[in-house]
């Protein structure tokens, strides 16, 4: 399942390539025909992610709410952004707006808009879900829908095809507020202090093991199986420790580390959870998932710190990886 950084990167793609454009909205598969009709012809004005869920706002007062779940993915084609440039371009625009109190779609600090700052627009194609995969450039625009496309968003320069989501619905502003209210803090949405306070106030009162709390999207948003295992190891925290027995300073440190890893994931497009690497080690880790994590997917292999074999157990139907020596 895509974790928080992936959904933020997808929102970045929409922000750069779709926001400000009128969209023809359809449902080639037919299962979302009624919802597509309500959005068809409107202009996208906002794209935002909260944890693993995404909200696309249109100028008719309606929003498209999408949760990819286990099997969902977006396929983009046309004049689209690829690679880490999405996060970098967004960062630069945010810095420009903050310093100049400029509007949302103001030019970047070099005087160019987001797509221009990446380079000459290309008729590219990329699939974005748990991982990103660049595919062959398209020969004509727009490409024909392929497979079971639940929703197609088509502008004059870009197209986004949604397949296999767990949730896909049209909401009004009140519905969006209700959906977001059910979610825990997201470090890229909530202020650092407010987000940490919300996390500590909930997790610190529960008897539920911290290894399960980190996966509870009502406690904290965006953490999935990989980030859960890695955050707990980085904190040297036993995943079975009840939340109310984890010291407050440890909970705050967990949230701060989640903030760091999430920002890194958005920038890199990879869940890089090991630090202190040499330049060569870092390059190797970017190429190979096996060199990217401390404990995730390393069952039976020696811990990178103490040499004890990493353990895998089932926790609420998901695989939990941890070191029984370091995480005590």
C-alpha atoms as a PDB file:
ATOM      1  CA  UNK A   1       0.000   0.000   0.000  1.00  0.00           C
ATOM      2  CA  UNK A   2       1.332   3.478  -0.817  1.00  0.00           C
ATOM      3  CA  UNK A   3       2.588   5.230   2.315  1.00  0.00           C
ATOM      4  CA  UNK A   4       2.383   8.927   3.046  1.00  0.00           C
ATOM      5  CA  UNK A   5       5.284  10.119   0.924  1.00  0.00           C
ATOM      6  CA  UNK A   6       3.837   8.511  -2.222  1.00  0.00           C
ATOM      7  CA  UNK A   7       0.462  10.215  -1.818  1.00  0.00           C
ATOM      8  CA  UNK A   8       2.112  13.589  -1.215  1.00  0.00           C
ATOM      9  CA  UNK A   9       4.120  13.119  -4.412  1.00  0.00           C
ATOM     10  CA  UNK A  10       0.945  12.301  -6.340  1.00  0.00           C
ATOM     11  CA  UNK A  11      -0.654  15.462  -4.930  1.00  0.00           C
ATOM     12  CA  UNK A  12       2.455  17.364  -6.079  1.00  0.00           C
ATOM     13  CA  UNK A  13       1.937  15.966  -9.573  1.00  0.00           C
ATOM     14  CA  UNK A  14      -1.639  17.225  -9.635  1.00  0.00           C
ATOM     15  CA  UNK A  15      -0.590  20.589  -8.242  1.00  0.00           C
ATOM     16  CA  UNK A  16       1.983  21.111 -10.952  1.00  0.00           C
ATOM     17  CA  UNK A  17       0.256  19.575 -13.944  1.00  0.00           C
ATOM     18  CA  UNK A  18      -3.505  19.943 -13.306  1.00  0.00           C
ATOM     19  CA  UNK A  19      -4.245  22.802 -10.901  1.00  0.00           C
ATOM     20  CA  UNK A  20      -5.484  25.828 -12.828  1.00  0.00           C
ATOM     21  CA  UNK A  21      -6.668  23.709 -15.759  1.00  0.00           C
ATOM     22  CA  UNK A  22     -10.198  22.836 -16.789  1.00  0.00           C
ATOM     23  CA  UNK A  23     -10.684  19.059 -16.642  1.00  0.00           C
ATOM     24  CA  UNK A  24     -12.803  16.717 -18.666  1.00  0.00           C
ATOM     25  CA  UNK A  25     -13.737  14.062 -16.119  1.00  0.00           C
ATOM     26  CA  UNK A  26     -14.986  10.661 -17.211  1.00  0.00           C
ATOM     27  CA  UNK A  27     -15.204   7.066 -16.040  1.00  0.00           C
ATOM     28  CA  UNK A  28     -14.060   4.787 -18.884  1.00  0.00           C
ATOM     29  CA  UNK A  29     -14.837   1.777 -16.703  1.00  0.00           C
ATOM     30  CA  UNK A  30     -18.305   3.138 -15.967  1.00  0.00           C
ATOM     31  CA  UNK A  31     -18.300   2.553 -12.192  1.00  0.00           C
ATOM     32  CA  UNK A  32     -17.835   6.242 -11.395  1.00  0.00           C
ATOM     33  CA  UNK A  33     -19.981   7.724 -14.163  1.00  0.00           C
ATOM     34  CA  UNK A  34     -22.303   9.656 -11.846  1.00  0.00           C
ATOM     35  CA  UNK A  35     -19.435  11.136  -9.851  1.00  0.00           C
ATOM     36  CA  UNK A  36     -17.503  12.020 -12.994  1.00  0.00           C
ATOM     37  CA  UNK A  37     -20.514  13.872 -14.375  1.00  0.00           C
ATOM     38  CA  UNK A  38     -20.598  16.108 -11.278  1.00  0.00           C
ATOM     39  CA  UNK A  39     -16.945  17.127 -11.802  1.00  0.00           C
ATOM     40  CA  UNK A  40     -16.787  17.244 -15.584  1.00  0.00           C
ATOM     41  CA  UNK A  41     -15.812  20.629 -16.984  1.00  0.00           C
ATOM     42  CA  UNK A  42     -14.690  22.137 -13.683  1.00  0.00           C
ATOM     43  CA  UNK A  43     -11.246  23.602 -13.053  1.00  0.00           C
ATOM     44  CA  UNK A  44      -8.982  22.027 -10.451  1.00  0.00           C
ATOM     45  CA  UNK A  45      -7.960  24.609  -7.848  1.00  0.00           C
ATOM     46  CA  UNK A  46      -6.262  22.594  -5.081  1.00  0.00           C
ATOM     47  CA  UNK A  47      -4.519  19.250  -4.639  1.00  0.00           C
ATOM     48  CA  UNK A  48      -3.723  18.123  -1.106  1.00  0.00           C
ATOM     49  CA  UNK A  49      -2.699  14.927   0.647  1.00  0.00           C
ATOM     50  CA  UNK A  50      -3.383  14.011   4.252  1.00  0.00           C
ATOM     51  CA  UNK A  51      -1.651  10.800   5.185  1.00  0.00           C
ATOM     52  CA  UNK A  52      -2.627   8.122   2.682  1.00  0.00           C
ATOM     53  CA  UNK A  53      -5.648  10.027   1.352  1.00  0.00           C
ATOM     54  CA  UNK A  54      -5.852  12.685  -1.336  1.00  0.00           C
ATOM     55  CA  UNK A  55      -8.327  15.493  -1.933  1.00  0.00           C
ATOM     56  CA  UNK A  56      -8.664  17.320  -5.272  1.00  0.00           C
ATOM     57  CA  UNK A  57     -10.726  20.526  -5.159  1.00  0.00           C
ATOM     58  CA  UNK A  58     -12.608  21.957  -8.148  1.00  0.00           C
ATOM     59  CA  UNK A  59     -14.016  25.425  -8.721  1.00  0.00           C
ATOM     60  CA  UNK A  60     -17.618  24.194  -8.538  1.00  0.00           C
ATOM     61  CA  UNK A  61     -17.241  23.588  -4.781  1.00  0.00           C
ATOM     62  CA  UNK A  62     -16.770  19.822  -5.088  1.00  0.00           C
ATOM     63  CA  UNK A  63     -13.805  17.610  -4.244  1.00  0.00           C
ATOM     64  CA  UNK A  64     -12.587  14.236  -5.509  1.00  0.00           C
ATOM     65  CA  UNK A  65     -11.540  12.114  -2.526  1.00  0.00           C
ATOM     66  CA  UNK A  66      -9.248   9.157  -3.312  1.00  0.00           C
ATOM     67  CA  UNK A  67      -7.707   6.476  -1.109  1.00  0.00           C
ATOM     68  CA  UNK A  68      -5.549   4.163  -3.222  1.00  0.00           C
ATOM     69  CA  UNK A  69      -5.535   1.261  -0.762  1.00  0.00           C
ATOM     70  CA  UNK A  70      -3.635  -1.910  -1.651  1.00  0.00           C
ATOM     71  CA  UNK A  71      -4.198  -1.939  -5.403  1.00  0.00           C
ATOM     72  CA  UNK A  72      -4.828   1.636  -6.483  1.00  0.00           C
ATOM     73  CA  UNK A  73      -2.528   3.591  -8.808  1.00  0.00           C
ATOM     74  CA  UNK A  74      -2.499   6.743 -10.910  1.00  0.00           C
ATOM     75  CA  UNK A  75      -1.151   6.687 -14.462  1.00  0.00           C
ATOM     76  CA  UNK A  76      -0.123  10.125 -15.732  1.00  0.00           C
ATOM     77  CA  UNK A  77       0.724  11.117 -19.279  1.00  0.00           C
ATOM     78  CA  UNK A  78       1.386  14.330 -21.182  1.00  0.00           C
ATOM     79  CA  UNK A  79       3.322  17.365 -19.991  1.00  0.00           C
ATOM     80  CA  UNK A  80       3.980  16.005 -16.522  1.00  0.00           C
ATOM     81  CA  UNK A  81       6.682  16.233 -13.893  1.00  0.00           C
ATOM     82  CA  UNK A  82       8.969  13.297 -13.198  1.00  0.00           C
ATOM     83  CA  UNK A  83      11.516  12.512 -10.500  1.00  0.00           C
ATOM     84  CA  UNK A  84      12.390  14.593  -7.443  1.00  0.00           C
ATOM     85  CA  UNK A  85      11.648  17.792  -9.352  1.00  0.00           C
ATOM     86  CA  UNK A  86       8.037  17.659  -8.165  1.00  0.00           C
ATOM     87  CA  UNK A  87       8.958  18.154  -4.526  1.00  0.00           C
ATOM     88  CA  UNK A  88      11.728  20.611  -5.339  1.00  0.00           C
ATOM     89  CA  UNK A  89       9.488  22.759  -7.481  1.00  0.00           C
ATOM     90  CA  UNK A  90       6.802  22.778  -4.803  1.00  0.00           C
ATOM     91  CA  UNK A  91       9.353  23.738  -2.148  1.00  0.00           C
ATOM     92  CA  UNK A  92      10.570  26.654  -4.225  1.00  0.00           C
ATOM     93  CA  UNK A  93       7.042  27.923  -4.889  1.00  0.00           C
ATOM     94  CA  UNK A  94       6.190  27.678  -1.192  1.00  0.00           C
ATOM     95  CA  UNK A  95       9.309  29.657  -0.306  1.00  0.00           C
ATOM     96  CA  UNK A  96       8.414  32.298  -2.884  1.00  0.00           C
ATOM     97  CA  UNK A  97       4.842  32.642  -1.595  1.00  0.00           C
ATOM     98  CA  UNK A  98       6.046  32.896   2.001  1.00  0.00           C
ATOM     99  CA  UNK A  99       8.598  35.595   1.283  1.00  0.00           C
ATOM    100  CA  UNK A 100       6.457  37.629  -1.100  1.00  0.00           C
ATOM    101  CA  UNK A 101       2.957  36.747   0.105  1.00  0.00           C
ATOM    102  CA  UNK A 102       2.359  35.671  -3.467  1.00  0.00           C
ATOM    103  CA  UNK A 103      -0.708  33.737  -4.665  1.00  0.00           C
ATOM    104  CA  UNK A 104      -0.760  29.947  -4.962  1.00  0.00           C
ATOM    105  CA  UNK A 105       0.126  29.841  -8.669  1.00  0.00           C
ATOM    106  CA  UNK A 106       2.833  32.519  -8.536  1.00  0.00           C
ATOM    107  CA  UNK A 107       6.007  31.976 -10.616  1.00  0.00           C
ATOM    108  CA  UNK A 108       9.001  30.246  -9.039  1.00  0.00           C
ATOM    109  CA  UNK A 109      11.832  32.408  -7.705  1.00  0.00           C
ATOM    110  CA  UNK A 110      13.617  32.181 -11.051  1.00  0.00           C
ATOM    111  CA  UNK A 111      10.615  33.656 -12.825  1.00  0.00           C
ATOM    112  CA  UNK A 112       9.443  30.359 -14.290  1.00  0.00           C
ATOM    113  CA  UNK A 113       6.348  28.350 -13.526  1.00  0.00           C
ATOM    114  CA  UNK A 114       6.624  24.835 -12.134  1.00  0.00           C
ATOM    115  CA  UNK A 115       6.711  22.885 -15.386  1.00  0.00           C
ATOM    116  CA  UNK A 116       9.143  25.310 -17.019  1.00  0.00           C
ATOM    117  CA  UNK A 117      11.486  25.045 -14.053  1.00  0.00           C
ATOM    118  CA  UNK A 118      11.819  21.322 -14.721  1.00  0.00           C
ATOM    119  CA  UNK A 119      12.832  21.829 -18.321  1.00  0.00           C
ATOM    120  CA  UNK A 120      11.095  21.560 -21.669  1.00  0.00           C
ATOM    121  CA  UNK A 121       7.694  19.836 -21.282  1.00  0.00           C
ATOM    122  CA  UNK A 122       7.722  16.224 -22.459  1.00  0.00           C
ATOM    123  CA  UNK A 123       4.925  13.907 -23.478  1.00  0.00           C
ATOM    124  CA  UNK A 124       5.896  11.515 -20.729  1.00  0.00           C
ATOM    125  CA  UNK A 125       4.124   8.679 -18.981  1.00  0.00           C
ATOM    126  CA  UNK A 126       4.570   7.600 -15.368  1.00  0.00           C
ATOM    127  CA  UNK A 127       2.716   5.302 -12.962  1.00  0.00           C
ATOM    128  CA  UNK A 128       2.517   6.501  -9.373  1.00  0.00           C
ATOM    129  CA  UNK A 129       1.458   4.237  -6.523  1.00  0.00           C
ATOM    130  CA  UNK A 130       3.601   2.566  -3.829  1.00  0.00           C
ATOM    131  CA  UNK A 131       6.503   3.103  -6.218  1.00  0.00           C
ATOM    132  CA  UNK A 132       6.941   5.249  -9.320  1.00  0.00           C
ATOM    133  CA  UNK A 133       7.665   3.792 -12.714  1.00  0.00           C
ATOM    134  CA  UNK A 134       8.504   5.857 -15.764  1.00  0.00           C
ATOM    135  CA  UNK A 135       7.173   4.288 -18.954  1.00  0.00           C
ATOM    136  CA  UNK A 136       7.695   4.936 -22.656  1.00  0.00           C
ATOM    137  CA  UNK A 137       6.809   8.425 -23.865  1.00  0.00           C
ATOM    138  CA  UNK A 138       3.454   8.615 -25.610  1.00  0.00           C
ATOM    139  CA  UNK A 139       3.243   9.184 -29.352  1.00  0.00           C
ATOM    140  CA  UNK A 140      -0.074  11.024 -29.365  1.00  0.00           C
ATOM    141  CA  UNK A 141      -2.123  12.879 -26.774  1.00  0.00           C
ATOM    142  CA  UNK A 142      -4.297  11.891 -25.109  1.00  0.00           C
ATOM    143  CA  UNK A 143      -3.520   8.170 -25.018  1.00  0.00           C
ATOM    144  CA  UNK A 144      -6.402   5.730 -25.078  1.00  0.00           C
ATOM    145  CA  UNK A 145      -7.495   4.445 -21.627  1.00  0.00           C
ATOM    146  CA  UNK A 146      -5.962   1.070 -20.857  1.00  0.00           C
ATOM    147  CA  UNK A 147      -7.570  -1.435 -18.505  1.00  0.00           C
ATOM    148  CA  UNK A 148     -10.147  -0.712 -15.827  1.00  0.00           C
ATOM    149  CA  UNK A 149      -9.865   3.067 -15.479  1.00  0.00           C
ATOM    150  CA  UNK A 150     -12.216   4.221 -12.707  1.00  0.00           C
ATOM    151  CA  UNK A 151     -11.645   7.936 -13.314  1.00  0.00           C
ATOM    152  CA  UNK A 152      -9.937   9.887 -16.103  1.00  0.00           C
ATOM    153  CA  UNK A 153      -8.981  13.535 -15.546  1.00  0.00           C
ATOM    154  CA  UNK A 154      -8.062  15.129 -18.862  1.00  0.00           C
ATOM    155  CA  UNK A 155      -6.775  18.672 -19.374  1.00  0.00           C
ATOM    156  CA  UNK A 156      -5.349  20.333 -22.454  1.00  0.00           C
ATOM    157  CA  UNK A 157      -1.838  19.127 -21.546  1.00  0.00           C
ATOM    158  CA  UNK A 158      -2.076  16.188 -19.135  1.00  0.00           C
ATOM    159  CA  UNK A 159      -4.154  13.164 -18.273  1.00  0.00           C
ATOM    160  CA  UNK A 160      -4.468  11.166 -15.053  1.00  0.00           C
ATOM    161  CA  UNK A 161      -6.057   7.702 -15.021  1.00  0.00           C
ATOM    162  CA  UNK A 162      -7.066   6.118 -11.709  1.00  0.00           C
ATOM    163  CA  UNK A 163      -7.265   2.350 -11.339  1.00  0.00           C
ATOM    164  CA  UNK A 164      -8.222   0.081  -8.439  1.00  0.00           C
ATOM    165  CA  UNK A 165      -8.749   2.545  -5.558  1.00  0.00           C
ATOM    166  CA  UNK A 166     -10.201   1.528  -2.219  1.00  0.00           C
ATOM    167  CA  UNK A 167     -12.168   4.770  -2.107  1.00  0.00           C
ATOM    168  CA  UNK A 168     -13.167   7.191  -4.845  1.00  0.00           C
ATOM    169  CA  UNK A 169     -15.966   9.647  -4.110  1.00  0.00           C
ATOM    170  CA  UNK A 170     -17.177  13.194  -4.651  1.00  0.00           C
ATOM    171  CA  UNK A 171     -17.461  15.314  -1.501  1.00  0.00           C
ATOM    172  CA  UNK A 172     -18.453  18.856  -0.688  1.00  0.00           C
ATOM    173  CA  UNK A 173     -16.335  21.021   1.624  1.00  0.00           C
ATOM    174  CA  UNK A 174     -18.154  19.794   4.732  1.00  0.00           C
ATOM    175  CA  UNK A 175     -17.541  16.182   3.715  1.00  0.00           C
ATOM    176  CA  UNK A 176     -13.845  16.886   3.243  1.00  0.00           C
ATOM    177  CA  UNK A 177     -13.645  18.448   6.699  1.00  0.00           C
ATOM    178  CA  UNK A 178     -15.330  15.373   8.197  1.00  0.00           C
ATOM    179  CA  UNK A 179     -12.966  12.990   6.394  1.00  0.00           C
ATOM    180  CA  UNK A 180      -9.860  14.884   7.486  1.00  0.00           C
ATOM    181  CA  UNK A 181     -11.140  15.187  11.073  1.00  0.00           C
ATOM    182  CA  UNK A 182     -11.002  11.387  11.323  1.00  0.00           C
ATOM    183  CA  UNK A 183      -7.292  11.352  10.468  1.00  0.00           C
ATOM    184  CA  UNK A 184      -4.354  11.795  12.788  1.00  0.00           C
ATOM    185  CA  UNK A 185      -1.742  14.510  12.274  1.00  0.00           C
ATOM    186  CA  UNK A 186       0.332  14.644   9.100  1.00  0.00           C
ATOM    187  CA  UNK A 187       3.737  16.383   9.462  1.00  0.00           C
ATOM    188  CA  UNK A 188       3.344  18.031   6.055  1.00  0.00           C
ATOM    189  CA  UNK A 189      -0.107  19.402   6.926  1.00  0.00           C
ATOM    190  CA  UNK A 190      -0.109  20.178  10.658  1.00  0.00           C
ATOM    191  CA  UNK A 191       2.336  22.563  12.292  1.00  0.00           C
ATOM    192  CA  UNK A 192       5.215  20.726  14.043  1.00  0.00           C
ATOM    193  CA  UNK A 193       4.052  21.562  17.577  1.00  0.00           C
ATOM    194  CA  UNK A 194       0.362  21.011  16.906  1.00  0.00           C
ATOM    195  CA  UNK A 195       1.009  17.707  15.152  1.00  0.00           C
ATOM    196  CA  UNK A 196       3.271  16.395  17.894  1.00  0.00           C
ATOM    197  CA  UNK A 197       0.809  17.462  20.585  1.00  0.00           C
ATOM    198  CA  UNK A 198      -2.047  15.672  18.830  1.00  0.00           C
ATOM    199  CA  UNK A 199      -0.015  12.490  18.426  1.00  0.00           C
ATOM    200  CA  UNK A 200       1.209  12.455  22.033  1.00  0.00           C
ATOM    201  CA  UNK A 201      -2.235  13.245  23.458  1.00  0.00           C
ATOM    202  CA  UNK A 202      -3.756  10.203  21.745  1.00  0.00           C
ATOM    203  CA  UNK A 203      -0.953   7.629  21.644  1.00  0.00           C
ATOM    204  CA  UNK A 204       0.159   8.412  25.191  1.00  0.00           C
ATOM    205  CA  UNK A 205      -3.216   7.433  26.634  1.00  0.00           C
ATOM    206  CA  UNK A 206      -3.744   4.103  24.912  1.00  0.00           C
ATOM    207  CA  UNK A 207      -2.833   0.640  26.102  1.00  0.00           C
ATOM    208  CA  UNK A 208      -2.493  -0.526  22.514  1.00  0.00           C
ATOM    209  CA  UNK A 209       1.067  -1.546  21.546  1.00  0.00           C
ATOM    210  CA  UNK A 210       2.975   1.282  19.895  1.00  0.00           C
ATOM    211  CA  UNK A 211       3.636  -0.991  16.913  1.00  0.00           C
ATOM    212  CA  UNK A 212      -0.103  -0.982  16.204  1.00  0.00           C
ATOM    213  CA  UNK A 213      -0.697   2.658  17.084  1.00  0.00           C
ATOM    214  CA  UNK A 214       1.747   3.847  14.430  1.00  0.00           C
ATOM    215  CA  UNK A 215      -0.353   2.057  11.797  1.00  0.00           C
ATOM    216  CA  UNK A 216      -3.632   3.550  13.080  1.00  0.00           C
ATOM    217  CA  UNK A 217      -4.434   6.413  10.714  1.00  0.00           C
ATOM    218  CA  UNK A 218      -6.634   8.065  13.348  1.00  0.00           C
ATOM    219  CA  UNK A 219      -3.574   8.346  15.613  1.00  0.00           C
ATOM    220  CA  UNK A 220      -0.997   9.512  13.058  1.00  0.00           C
ATOM    221  CA  UNK A 221      -1.368   9.808   9.285  1.00  0.00           C
ATOM    222  CA  UNK A 222       0.683   8.260   6.540  1.00  0.00           C
ATOM    223  CA  UNK A 223       2.715   5.555   8.296  1.00  0.00           C
ATOM    224  CA  UNK A 224       2.582   2.114   6.708  1.00  0.00           C
ATOM    225  CA  UNK A 225       4.376  -1.170   7.264  1.00  0.00           C
ATOM    226  CA  UNK A 226       7.828  -0.023   6.145  1.00  0.00           C
ATOM    227  CA  UNK A 227       7.942   3.276   7.982  1.00  0.00           C
ATOM    228  CA  UNK A 228       6.448   1.637  11.090  1.00  0.00           C
ATOM    229  CA  UNK A 229       9.220  -0.956  11.340  1.00  0.00           C
ATOM    230  CA  UNK A 230      11.963   1.541  10.580  1.00  0.00           C
ATOM    231  CA  UNK A 231      10.730   4.248  12.972  1.00  0.00           C
ATOM    232  CA  UNK A 232      10.561   1.776  15.843  1.00  0.00           C
ATOM    233  CA  UNK A 233      14.052   0.482  15.167  1.00  0.00           C
ATOM    234  CA  UNK A 234      15.500   3.984  14.842  1.00  0.00           C
ATOM    235  CA  UNK A 235      13.963   4.739  18.247  1.00  0.00           C
ATOM    236  CA  UNK A 236      15.212   1.385  19.627  1.00  0.00           C
ATOM    237  CA  UNK A 237      11.658   0.868  20.847  1.00  0.00           C
ATOM    238  CA  UNK A 238       9.993  -2.501  21.502  1.00  0.00           C
ATOM    239  CA  UNK A 239       6.922  -2.596  19.216  1.00  0.00           C
ATOM    240  CA  UNK A 240       4.925  -4.352  21.933  1.00  0.00           C
ATOM    241  CA  UNK A 241       5.235  -1.491  24.432  1.00  0.00           C
ATOM    242  CA  UNK A 242       1.782  -0.018  25.226  1.00  0.00           C
ATOM    243  CA  UNK A 243       1.453   3.561  24.102  1.00  0.00           C
ATOM    244  CA  UNK A 244       0.751   4.772  27.625  1.00  0.00           C
ATOM    245  CA  UNK A 245       4.064   3.287  28.790  1.00  0.00           C
ATOM    246  CA  UNK A 246       6.155   5.087  26.181  1.00  0.00           C
ATOM    247  CA  UNK A 247       7.684   8.219  27.751  1.00  0.00           C
ATOM    248  CA  UNK A 248       6.363  11.466  26.323  1.00  0.00           C
ATOM    249  CA  UNK A 249       9.807  12.524  25.142  1.00  0.00           C
ATOM    250  CA  UNK A 250      10.111   9.262  23.178  1.00  0.00           C
ATOM    251  CA  UNK A 251       6.707   9.793  21.554  1.00  0.00           C
ATOM    252  CA  UNK A 252       7.712  13.326  20.568  1.00  0.00           C
ATOM    253  CA  UNK A 253      10.993  12.025  19.175  1.00  0.00           C
ATOM    254  CA  UNK A 254       9.074   9.424  17.156  1.00  0.00           C
ATOM    255  CA  UNK A 255       6.878  12.096  15.602  1.00  0.00           C
ATOM    256  CA  UNK A 256       9.889  14.292  14.868  1.00  0.00           C
ATOM    257  CA  UNK A 257      11.632  11.368  13.172  1.00  0.00           C
ATOM    258  CA  UNK A 258       8.490  10.614  11.165  1.00  0.00           C
ATOM    259  CA  UNK A 259       8.541  14.233  10.008  1.00  0.00           C
ATOM    260  CA  UNK A 260      12.151  13.824   8.880  1.00  0.00           C
ATOM    261  CA  UNK A 261      11.550  10.549   7.037  1.00  0.00           C
ATOM    262  CA  UNK A 262       8.370  11.779   5.374  1.00  0.00           C
ATOM    263  CA  UNK A 263      10.043  14.907   4.028  1.00  0.00           C
ATOM    264  CA  UNK A 264      12.948  12.810   2.775  1.00  0.00           C
ATOM    265  CA  UNK A 265      10.579  10.367   1.086  1.00  0.00           C
ATOM    266  CA  UNK A 266       8.773  13.157  -0.745  1.00  0.00           C
ATOM    267  CA  UNK A 267      12.068  14.622  -1.942  1.00  0.00           C
ATOM    268  CA  UNK A 268      13.655  11.331  -3.025  1.00  0.00           C
ATOM    269  CA  UNK A 269      10.620   9.352  -4.100  1.00  0.00           C
ATOM    270  CA  UNK A 270      12.098   6.525  -2.019  1.00  0.00           C
ATOM    271  CA  UNK A 271      11.668   5.329   1.561  1.00  0.00           C
ATOM    272  CA  UNK A 272      15.269   5.922   2.613  1.00  0.00           C
ATOM    273  CA  UNK A 273      15.355   5.085   6.323  1.00  0.00           C
ATOM    274  CA  UNK A 274      19.083   4.560   6.912  1.00  0.00           C
ATOM    275  CA  UNK A 275      21.263   7.551   7.662  1.00  0.00           C
ATOM    276  CA  UNK A 276      24.950   8.048   8.346  1.00  0.00           C
ATOM    277  CA  UNK A 277      25.784   6.486   4.983  1.00  0.00           C
ATOM    278  CA  UNK A 278      28.764   7.369   2.848  1.00  0.00           C
ATOM    279  CA  UNK A 279      28.092   8.874  -0.565  1.00  0.00           C
ATOM    280  CA  UNK A 280      28.710   5.500  -2.209  1.00  0.00           C
ATOM    281  CA  UNK A 281      26.479   3.670   0.300  1.00  0.00           C
ATOM    282  CA  UNK A 282      23.714   6.218  -0.204  1.00  0.00           C
ATOM    283  CA  UNK A 283      23.866   5.795  -3.981  1.00  0.00           C
ATOM    284  CA  UNK A 284      23.744   2.011  -3.580  1.00  0.00           C
ATOM    285  CA  UNK A 285      20.760   2.257  -1.239  1.00  0.00           C
ATOM    286  CA  UNK A 286      18.850   4.362  -3.751  1.00  0.00           C
ATOM    287  CA  UNK A 287      19.363   1.628  -6.336  1.00  0.00           C
ATOM    288  CA  UNK A 288      18.476  -1.318  -4.105  1.00  0.00           C
ATOM    289  CA  UNK A 289      15.733  -1.649  -1.488  1.00  0.00           C
ATOM    290  CA  UNK A 290      17.803  -4.353   0.228  1.00  0.00           C
ATOM    291  CA  UNK A 291      20.353  -1.668   1.159  1.00  0.00           C
ATOM    292  CA  UNK A 292      17.823   0.973   2.158  1.00  0.00           C
ATOM    293  CA  UNK A 293      16.338  -0.211   5.458  1.00  0.00           C
ATOM    294  CA  UNK A 294      17.440  -1.267   8.946  1.00  0.00           C
ATOM    295  CA  UNK A 295      14.971  -4.092   9.613  1.00  0.00           C
ATOM    296  CA  UNK A 296      12.138  -4.099   7.080  1.00  0.00           C
ATOM    297  CA  UNK A 297      11.973  -7.291   5.000  1.00  0.00           C
ATOM    298  CA  UNK A 298      15.163  -8.595   6.672  1.00  0.00           C
ATOM    299  CA  UNK A 299      13.678 -11.555   8.549  1.00  0.00           C
ATOM    300  CA  UNK A 300      16.414 -14.003   9.546  1.00  0.00           C
ATOM    301  CA  UNK A 301      19.223 -11.664   8.484  1.00  0.00           C
ATOM    302  CA  UNK A 302      21.627 -10.217  11.047  1.00  0.00           C
ATOM    303  CA  UNK A 303      20.789  -6.855  12.551  1.00  0.00           C
ATOM    304  CA  UNK A 304      22.973  -4.165  11.013  1.00  0.00           C
ATOM    305  CA  UNK A 305      23.829  -2.938  14.525  1.00  0.00           C
ATOM    306  CA  UNK A 306      24.115  -5.941  16.866  1.00  0.00           C
ATOM    307  CA  UNK A 307      24.119  -9.008  14.614  1.00  0.00           C
ATOM    308  CA  UNK A 308      21.026 -10.628  16.129  1.00  0.00           C
ATOM    309  CA  UNK A 309      18.716 -12.132  13.535  1.00  0.00           C
ATOM    310  CA  UNK A 310      15.800  -9.868  12.655  1.00  0.00           C
ATOM    311  CA  UNK A 311      12.410 -11.280  13.692  1.00  0.00           C
ATOM    312  CA  UNK A 312       9.184 -11.160  11.714  1.00  0.00           C
ATOM    313  CA  UNK A 313       5.805 -11.660  13.337  1.00  0.00           C
ATOM    314  CA  UNK A 314       2.209 -10.986  12.380  1.00  0.00           C
ATOM    315  CA  UNK A 315       0.604  -8.002  14.098  1.00  0.00           C
ATOM    316  CA  UNK A 316      -3.031  -7.235  13.253  1.00  0.00           C
ATOM    317  CA  UNK A 317      -2.651  -9.040   9.942  1.00  0.00           C
ATOM    318  CA  UNK A 318       0.504  -7.183   8.868  1.00  0.00           C
ATOM    319  CA  UNK A 319       4.147  -8.280   8.985  1.00  0.00           C
ATOM    320  CA  UNK A 320       6.163  -6.599  11.715  1.00  0.00           C
ATOM    321  CA  UNK A 321       9.975  -6.667  11.526  1.00  0.00           C
ATOM    322  CA  UNK A 322      12.127  -5.857  14.555  1.00  0.00           C
ATOM    323  CA  UNK A 323      15.341  -6.635  16.396  1.00  0.00           C
ATOM    324  CA  UNK A 324      14.766  -8.467  19.730  1.00  0.00           C
ATOM    325  CA  UNK A 325      18.124  -7.273  21.078  1.00  0.00           C
ATOM    326  CA  UNK A 326      18.212  -3.584  20.170  1.00  0.00           C
ATOM    327  CA  UNK A 327      14.503  -2.918  20.566  1.00  0.00           C
ATOM    328  CA  UNK A 328      14.052  -3.633  24.258  1.00  0.00           C
END
